[in-house]
Amino acid sequence: MPERAVVAGKLPRPSGGRRWSSFIADEGTGSRPVRGLHEATNPTHRVRVEYDVHTLLIHLSDEDGAGWTTVAVDRTTRRCAVAQADTARGAYESLYQS
């Protein structure tokens, strides 16, 4: 996707294509649960969610599937942190004190 200029801290509003869609489940293999979702028209664009009792980790791939962005969400407060390199660890460590 082409880069868009940021003005006053905000991206320009996209034109056209305002219809929202949802990611769909990956194909299951046998009795193993499906753990990933992908965009119907672009299966390399994926999302996966992991959790423990304290934290949700939401992993979102780049449009081409090459890189990842992770959002760590504290389940109690809903505070969140985002990381794009070493994503899960970076987001988790950005959310919580050492």
Protein backbone atom coordinates (compact mmCIF):
# COMPACT_ATOMS: atom_id res chain seq x y z
CA MET A 1 0.00 0.00 0.00
CA PRO A 2 1.31 3.47 -0.79
CA GLU A 3 2.41 5.75 2.03
CA ARG A 4 0.01 8.58 2.89
CA ALA A 5 1.05 11.96 4.26
CA VAL A 6 0.32 12.69 7.90
CA VAL A 7 -1.08 16.15 8.67
CA ALA A 8 -1.53 17.35 12.26
CA GLY A 9 -0.93 13.79 13.45
CA LYS A 10 -3.68 12.25 11.30
CA LEU A 11 -3.76 10.37 8.00
CA PRO A 12 -6.00 11.67 5.24
CA ARG A 13 -9.39 9.94 5.12
CA PRO A 14 -9.37 7.16 2.48
CA SER A 15 -11.60 7.72 -0.53
CA GLY A 16 -14.14 5.13 -1.69
CA GLY A 17 -14.33 1.53 -0.52
CA ARG A 18 -16.12 2.26 2.75
CA ARG A 19 -17.66 -1.21 3.01
CA TRP A 20 -16.26 -3.13 5.99
CA SER A 21 -15.53 -6.83 5.86
CA SER A 22 -14.29 -9.45 8.32
CA PHE A 23 -11.33 -11.79 8.32
CA ILE A 24 -12.27 -15.45 7.76
CA ALA A 25 -10.96 -18.64 9.39
CA ASP A 26 -8.06 -20.55 7.90
CA GLU A 27 -8.73 -24.08 6.68
CA GLY A 28 -8.75 -26.59 9.55
CA THR A 29 -6.46 -29.63 9.49
CA GLY A 30 -8.02 -32.68 11.08
CA SER A 31 -9.03 -32.24 14.71
CA ARG A 32 -6.67 -29.31 15.39
CA PRO A 33 -8.48 -26.04 16.17
CA VAL A 34 -8.24 -23.17 13.69
CA ARG A 35 -6.04 -20.48 15.23
CA GLY A 36 -5.65 -18.00 12.39
CA LEU A 37 -7.83 -15.71 10.35
CA HIS A 38 -7.09 -14.12 6.98
CA GLU A 39 -8.56 -11.61 4.57
CA ALA A 40 -10.81 -13.44 2.07
CA THR A 41 -9.30 -11.74 -0.98
CA ASN A 42 -5.73 -11.65 0.37
CA PRO A 43 -4.86 -14.82 2.36
CA THR A 44 -1.34 -13.54 3.16
CA HIS A 45 -2.92 -10.73 5.27
CA ARG A 46 -3.48 -12.58 8.56
CA VAL A 47 -4.49 -12.03 12.17
CA ARG A 48 -4.08 -14.21 15.25
CA VAL A 49 -4.98 -13.65 18.90
CA GLU A 50 -3.24 -15.22 21.91
CA TYR A 51 -4.05 -14.67 25.55
CA ASP A 52 -3.28 -15.53 29.14
CA VAL A 53 -5.14 -14.49 32.28
CA HIS A 54 -3.67 -10.97 32.14
CA THR A 55 -2.97 -10.08 28.50
CA LEU A 56 -4.35 -10.35 24.96
CA LEU A 57 -1.78 -10.35 22.12
CA ILE A 58 -3.28 -9.44 18.75
CA HIS A 59 -0.88 -10.20 15.87
CA LEU A 60 -1.64 -8.55 12.50
CA SER A 61 0.51 -9.31 9.47
CA ASP A 62 1.54 -6.81 6.82
CA GLU A 63 -0.64 -6.80 3.70
CA ASP A 64 1.95 -9.06 2.02
CA GLY A 65 2.38 -11.28 5.09
CA ALA A 66 6.08 -10.45 5.51
CA GLY A 67 6.04 -8.48 8.78
CA TRP A 68 3.89 -8.23 11.88
CA THR A 69 2.34 -5.63 14.16
CA THR A 70 1.33 -6.77 17.64
CA VAL A 71 -1.08 -5.04 19.99
CA ALA A 72 -0.80 -6.07 23.66
CA VAL A 73 -3.93 -5.37 25.71
CA ASP A 74 -4.13 -5.59 29.49
CA ARG A 75 -7.36 -7.50 30.16
CA THR A 76 -8.24 -5.62 33.35
CA THR A 77 -7.62 -2.01 32.32
CA ARG A 78 -7.77 -2.32 28.49
CA ARG A 79 -4.55 -0.28 28.30
CA CYS A 80 -2.62 -1.25 25.20
CA ALA A 81 0.78 -1.00 23.53
CA VAL A 82 1.81 -1.58 19.91
CA ALA A 83 5.06 -2.95 18.49
CA GLN A 84 6.27 -3.67 14.97
CA ALA A 85 9.70 -5.29 15.49
CA ASP A 86 10.11 -8.33 17.74
CA THR A 87 6.40 -7.74 17.98
CA ALA A 88 5.01 -9.90 20.77
CA ARG A 89 7.87 -9.24 23.17
CA GLY A 90 8.06 -5.55 22.24
CA ALA A 91 4.35 -4.92 22.69
CA TYR A 92 4.22 -6.89 25.96
CA GLU A 93 7.26 -5.09 27.41
CA SER A 94 5.87 -1.71 26.30
CA LEU A 95 2.64 -2.42 28.18
CA TYR A 96 4.06 -3.61 31.50
CA GLN A 97 6.77 -2.35 33.88
CA SER A 98 9.94 -4.42 34.15
